[in-house]
Amino acid sequence: MKKLVFLVLALQTVFAFGQKPSNNLVGTFENQGKKNKYASFNFDGKGKVIVNNKDKFEFFEKNDSIYVLHEDDLLAFVKTNDNQLKGLSKKIDKSTYATKDRGFKYEKTSVAGDKRADLVEQYYQVNYTRANKMFAKKKKGNFLSSMQTMKKENQRLCDLDLDLGCVQIFVYSLGDKSLGLISVLFDSSAKEVQDIKPDEELEKLGYKIIDLGNAEGYGLLYSYYTLIGKDDKAKSINDKGIKEGCKVCLSNK
């Protein structure tokens, strides 16, 4: 009996880890119980979900669980036998979302969609799962080492043309430049503040993010041009970003 139980558990583990992520769930799920700020989730079958009939976010499904990369929060659900989504993460753990459809519906899969789902799942592992473990560590050496690992992994994802990984690399680089400026401003021995020189590679990265279909690249370039003192160009790129749906750009006006 013990051998049989062990074999069943082993097979479950193999199949669980072997299941590939997907992002082709389609349908609207509405909150059925406790009120919270998440009233509805509309999955488009192409890797995006509209939250509260407003903003779009990335999602993927794996092992009957659905993960929504909502701004700084991760919203996780598990599918139930009665065609509902039960909240798992803290902000929705007492909520249930139901659809009017009969069963869970899916769009046809595609090579591009499958690739996107796989890369987004990897991004989740790097920037959510590992990040939580990293911030839980108290030793400075462990933290810095984990940060370097995250940067390396996001660079790998960016090289695979995942816009989300490129965004992280851009933010890291821009943050380093900003910290350098702040350190000079607060250094009483510094004779003068040196202008931050243009960074051609960082600028190219910003446009790569836009070319990959992520309008937030406009907002990132706005911050970059502002930092190097090109205010007119910053305004121009920000105005274009607003027309293209850049959410960050709206807060820059």
Protein backbone atom coordinates (compact mmCIF):
# COMPACT_ATOMS: atom_id res chain seq x y z
CA MET A 1 0.00 0.00 0.00
CA LYS A 2 2.80 2.43 0.90
CA LYS A 3 4.49 1.75 -2.43
CA LEU A 4 1.21 2.40 -4.26
CA VAL A 5 0.68 5.73 -2.46
CA PHE A 6 4.26 6.74 -3.18
CA LEU A 7 3.82 5.89 -6.87
CA VAL A 8 0.60 7.94 -7.13
CA LEU A 9 2.23 10.96 -5.46
CA ALA A 10 5.27 10.66 -7.72
CA LEU A 11 3.10 10.57 -10.84
CA GLN A 12 1.11 13.58 -9.65
CA THR A 13 4.34 15.50 -9.13
CA VAL A 14 5.63 14.62 -12.60
CA PHE A 15 2.41 15.67 -14.33
CA ALA A 16 2.08 18.85 -12.23
CA PHE A 17 5.53 20.11 -13.10
CA GLY A 18 5.21 18.90 -16.68
CA GLN A 19 2.07 20.89 -17.43
CA LYS A 20 2.84 23.84 -19.66
CA PRO A 21 1.48 27.30 -18.91
CA SER A 22 -1.26 28.68 -21.16
CA ASN A 23 -2.95 32.05 -21.63
CA ASN A 24 -6.00 31.34 -23.79
CA LEU A 25 -8.78 31.38 -21.18
CA VAL A 26 -11.69 33.53 -22.35
CA GLY A 27 -14.71 34.86 -20.48
CA THR A 28 -15.90 37.29 -17.82
CA PHE A 29 -15.89 36.30 -14.15
CA GLU A 30 -17.70 38.47 -11.61
CA ASN A 31 -17.39 38.66 -7.84
CA GLN A 32 -20.12 36.63 -6.14
CA GLY A 33 -19.44 37.22 -2.47
CA LYS A 34 -17.42 39.53 -0.27
CA LYS A 35 -16.94 42.98 -1.75
CA ASN A 36 -13.42 44.10 -2.60
CA LYS A 37 -11.87 46.39 -5.19
CA TYR A 38 -11.77 43.58 -7.75
CA ALA A 39 -15.31 43.25 -9.11
CA SER A 40 -14.65 41.48 -12.41
CA PHE A 41 -12.02 39.84 -14.59
CA ASN A 42 -12.49 39.64 -18.35
CA PHE A 43 -10.02 37.20 -19.96
CA ASP A 44 -9.49 37.80 -23.68
CA GLY A 45 -8.03 34.42 -24.62
CA LYS A 46 -4.79 36.06 -25.76
CA GLY A 47 -2.85 36.55 -22.53
CA LYS A 48 -4.57 39.70 -21.30
CA VAL A 49 -7.25 40.22 -18.67
CA ILE A 50 -9.27 43.40 -18.15
CA VAL A 51 -9.78 44.13 -14.45
CA ASN A 52 -12.92 46.03 -13.41
CA ASN A 53 -13.68 46.83 -17.07
CA LYS A 54 -10.74 49.22 -17.03
CA ASP A 55 -7.07 48.26 -17.34
CA LYS A 56 -5.41 45.27 -19.04
CA PHE A 57 -2.88 43.01 -17.33
CA GLU A 58 -0.94 39.86 -18.14
CA PHE A 59 -2.14 36.44 -16.99
CA PHE A 60 -1.26 32.80 -17.39
CA GLU A 61 -2.74 29.50 -16.27
CA LYS A 62 -0.89 26.47 -14.92
CA ASN A 63 -2.06 23.39 -13.03
CA ASP A 64 -5.65 24.70 -12.81
CA SER A 65 -4.42 27.92 -11.17
CA ILE A 66 -4.60 31.34 -12.82
CA TYR A 67 -2.13 34.12 -12.09
CA VAL A 68 -2.82 37.78 -12.88
CA LEU A 69 0.19 40.11 -12.79
CA HIS A 70 -1.72 43.12 -11.48
CA GLU A 71 0.63 46.10 -11.01
CA ASP A 72 2.58 45.36 -7.81
CA ASP A 73 0.16 42.64 -6.70
CA LEU A 74 -0.11 39.04 -7.79
CA LEU A 75 -3.71 37.85 -7.95
CA ALA A 76 -3.99 34.06 -7.91
CA PHE A 77 -7.07 31.90 -8.44
CA VAL A 78 -7.86 28.21 -8.58
CA LYS A 79 -10.52 26.78 -10.88
CA THR A 80 -13.38 24.93 -9.17
CA ASN A 81 -15.58 22.10 -10.43
CA ASP A 82 -18.61 24.41 -10.68
CA ASN A 83 -16.93 26.70 -13.25
CA GLN A 84 -15.85 29.36 -10.80
CA LEU A 85 -12.57 30.99 -9.82
CA LYS A 86 -11.76 30.95 -6.12
CA GLY A 87 -9.32 33.59 -4.88
CA LEU A 88 -6.07 32.31 -3.39
CA SER A 89 -3.93 35.40 -2.85
CA LYS A 90 -4.39 37.64 0.17
CA LYS A 91 -6.52 40.41 -1.33
CA ILE A 92 -9.04 38.02 -2.86
CA ASP A 93 -8.75 34.93 -0.65
CA LYS A 94 -12.40 35.12 0.47
CA SER A 95 -13.84 35.91 -2.94
CA THR A 96 -15.38 33.70 -5.61
CA TYR A 97 -15.83 34.74 -9.24
CA ALA A 98 -18.42 33.12 -11.51
CA THR A 99 -19.07 33.18 -15.24
CA LYS A 100 -22.37 32.95 -17.10
CA ASP A 101 -20.76 30.55 -19.58
CA ARG A 102 -21.31 26.83 -19.29
CA GLY A 103 -17.85 25.70 -18.35
CA PHE A 104 -14.45 27.23 -18.91
CA LYS A 105 -13.91 28.38 -22.49
CA TYR A 106 -10.65 28.72 -24.38
CA GLU A 107 -9.46 30.28 -27.63
CA LYS A 108 -7.41 28.17 -30.01
CA THR A 109 -3.76 27.98 -29.05
CA SER A 110 -0.99 29.42 -31.21
CA VAL A 111 2.78 29.13 -31.29
CA ALA A 112 3.18 32.80 -30.38
CA GLY A 113 0.63 32.53 -27.57
CA ASP A 114 2.27 29.43 -26.10
CA LYS A 115 5.68 31.14 -26.20
CA ARG A 116 4.28 34.22 -24.49
CA ALA A 117 2.64 32.16 -21.75
CA ASP A 118 5.90 30.30 -21.09
CA LEU A 119 7.94 33.51 -20.89
CA VAL A 120 5.39 35.27 -18.66
CA GLU A 121 5.42 32.27 -16.31
CA GLN A 122 9.23 32.50 -16.15
CA TYR A 123 8.92 36.23 -15.48
CA TYR A 124 6.54 35.46 -12.61
CA GLN A 125 9.01 33.00 -11.10
CA VAL A 126 11.84 35.56 -11.26
CA ASN A 127 10.05 38.74 -10.19
CA TYR A 128 7.38 37.45 -7.82
CA THR A 129 8.34 34.06 -6.37
CA ARG A 130 12.09 34.68 -6.11
CA ALA A 131 11.62 38.35 -5.22
CA ASN A 132 9.50 37.43 -2.20
CA LYS A 133 12.19 35.03 -1.01
CA MET A 134 14.85 37.66 -1.62
CA PHE A 135 13.18 40.33 0.49
CA ALA A 136 12.66 37.77 3.24
CA LYS A 137 16.42 37.38 3.58
CA LYS A 138 18.01 39.70 6.11
CA LYS A 139 21.70 39.39 5.22
CA LYS A 140 22.98 42.15 2.94
CA GLY A 141 25.19 39.76 0.96
CA ASN A 142 22.28 37.47 0.17
CA PHE A 143 20.14 40.41 -0.93
CA LEU A 144 22.76 41.81 -3.31
CA SER A 145 23.48 38.38 -4.73
CA SER A 146 19.76 37.79 -5.31
CA MET A 147 19.43 41.19 -7.01
CA GLN A 148 22.23 40.31 -9.42
CA THR A 149 20.52 37.00 -10.18
CA MET A 150 17.23 38.78 -10.86
CA LYS A 151 18.93 41.25 -13.20
CA LYS A 152 20.63 38.40 -15.05
CA GLU A 153 17.38 36.48 -15.43
CA ASN A 154 15.44 39.55 -16.59
CA GLN A 155 18.18 40.26 -19.13
CA ARG A 156 17.80 36.70 -20.41
CA LEU A 157 14.05 37.21 -20.77
CA CYS A 158 14.62 40.53 -22.52
CA ASP A 159 17.01 38.84 -24.95
CA LEU A 160 14.15 36.42 -25.69
CA ASP A 161 12.02 39.49 -26.58
CA LEU A 162 9.81 39.51 -23.50
CA ASP A 163 8.95 43.17 -23.05
CA LEU A 164 8.33 42.72 -19.32
CA GLY A 165 11.93 41.59 -18.78
CA CYS A 166 13.19 44.56 -20.80
CA VAL A 167 11.13 46.92 -18.62
CA GLN A 168 12.86 45.55 -15.52
CA ILE A 169 16.31 46.04 -17.07
CA PHE A 170 15.43 49.59 -18.07
CA VAL A 171 14.23 50.37 -14.53
CA TYR A 172 17.40 48.89 -13.01
CA SER A 173 19.62 51.00 -15.29
CA LEU A 174 17.64 54.20 -14.83
CA GLY A 175 17.63 53.64 -11.07
CA ASP A 176 21.43 53.32 -11.02
CA LYS A 177 21.77 56.62 -12.86
CA SER A 178 19.31 58.35 -10.54
CA LEU A 179 21.08 57.06 -7.43
CA GLY A 180 24.36 58.34 -8.83
CA LEU A 181 22.88 61.82 -9.21
CA ILE A 182 21.36 61.76 -5.71
CA SER A 183 24.66 60.71 -4.13
CA VAL A 184 26.39 63.72 -5.74
CA LEU A 185 23.65 66.13 -4.64
CA PHE A 186 24.06 65.04 -1.02
CA ASP A 187 27.85 64.98 -1.10
CA SER A 188 29.03 68.16 0.63
CA SER A 189 32.54 67.72 -0.79
CA ALA A 190 31.34 67.67 -4.40
CA LYS A 191 32.21 70.90 -6.20
CA GLU A 192 29.46 70.68 -8.81
CA VAL A 193 26.78 68.38 -10.11
CA GLN A 194 27.85 66.69 -13.32
CA ASP A 195 25.18 66.34 -16.00
CA ILE A 196 24.14 62.75 -16.65
CA LYS A 197 25.41 61.77 -20.06
CA PRO A 198 23.09 60.26 -22.68
CA ASP A 199 23.06 56.46 -22.77
CA GLU A 200 22.50 55.23 -26.32
CA GLU A 201 21.96 51.61 -25.24
CA LEU A 202 19.35 52.56 -22.65
CA GLU A 203 17.56 54.72 -25.22
CA LYS A 204 17.54 51.80 -27.69
CA LEU A 205 16.12 49.56 -24.98
CA GLY A 206 13.25 51.98 -24.44
CA TYR A 207 12.36 51.87 -28.12
CA LYS A 208 12.72 48.08 -28.14
CA ILE A 209 10.07 47.89 -25.40
CA ILE A 210 7.76 50.00 -27.59
CA ASP A 211 8.50 47.86 -30.66
CA LEU A 212 7.60 44.76 -28.64
CA GLY A 213 4.13 46.22 -28.19
CA ASN A 214 4.41 47.66 -24.68
CA ALA A 215 3.27 51.29 -24.64
CA GLU A 216 4.79 51.82 -21.19
CA GLY A 217 8.10 52.19 -23.00
CA TYR A 218 7.04 55.77 -23.78
CA GLY A 219 6.78 56.52 -20.08
CA LEU A 220 10.19 54.99 -19.42
CA LEU A 221 11.77 57.10 -22.17
CA TYR A 222 10.07 60.18 -20.70
CA SER A 223 11.88 59.51 -17.42
CA TYR A 224 15.16 58.93 -19.24
CA TYR A 225 14.97 62.13 -21.32
CA THR A 226 13.96 64.12 -18.24
CA LEU A 227 16.94 62.75 -16.33
CA ILE A 228 19.43 63.80 -19.03
CA GLY A 229 17.84 67.23 -19.36
CA LYS A 230 16.01 66.84 -22.67
CA ASP A 231 12.70 68.19 -21.44
CA ASP A 232 11.22 68.98 -24.86
CA LYS A 233 11.90 65.48 -26.13
CA ALA A 234 10.52 64.06 -22.87
CA LYS A 235 7.26 65.96 -23.34
CA SER A 236 6.99 64.90 -26.98
CA ILE A 237 7.50 61.20 -26.21
CA ASN A 238 5.09 61.39 -23.29
CA ASP A 239 2.35 62.98 -25.40
CA LYS A 240 2.77 60.23 -28.00
CA GLY A 241 2.62 57.62 -25.25
CA ILE A 242 -0.72 58.94 -24.00
CA LYS A 243 -2.16 58.49 -27.50
CA GLU A 244 -0.82 54.91 -27.56
CA GLY A 245 -2.36 53.98 -24.20
CA CYS A 246 0.62 54.42 -21.88
CA LYS A 247 -0.75 54.42 -18.31
CA VAL A 248 2.43 55.83 -16.73
CA CYS A 249 2.40 58.71 -19.21
CA LEU A 250 -0.91 59.98 -17.82
CA SER A 251 0.72 60.56 -14.42
CA ASN A 252 3.61 62.47 -16.04
CA LYS A 253 1.42 65.36 -17.29
